[in-house]
Amino acid sequence: MPIHYERDDERRRIIIMTTGRVTPEDVQGALDRQANEGTWSYAVLYDARAGTNTPTREDLHRLVLYVGALTARHGPRGPVALVSGSARLSRMGRAYSSLGELTALNVQVFTDVDDAECWLEQAQKAHPSTDLLSH
């Protein structure tokens, strides 16, 4: 399985780690799981350092549209920290972040997990979730 998915309800965080080749369908599956479990507004630490491929611009456009549709149904998505091990993936992550601004997506790209964790904690404090109201 190219995506390892962990849910941490205490910290209101989803941790996703990728390995090998990850398809857009794999990513959509993780998004669906987050939405279906009622954790759409949880923060996400997406560690893509062990992934072997980079999404195309077309993949990013489809992903942003997909996230937009889920956001329309489930409300604002929690902050997303993307940890990248390659310059190319970092560029695509920044492009995704720019495109995601259209759907109020809060994404930052990092090369260090500790920096990503720190940012997520700050982002969660700055914008407390309303997830508890939807359960």
Foldseek 3Di string as FASTA:
>chain_A
DQWDWDADVVQLEIEIEGAEADDLVNVVVNQVVCLVVLSQAREYEYEDARYDDADDVVSLVVVLVSVLVSCVVRNDGHAYEYAYDDPVNQVVQVVSCVSNVVSVHHYDYHNDSVVSVVVSVVSCVVPPDPSVVVD
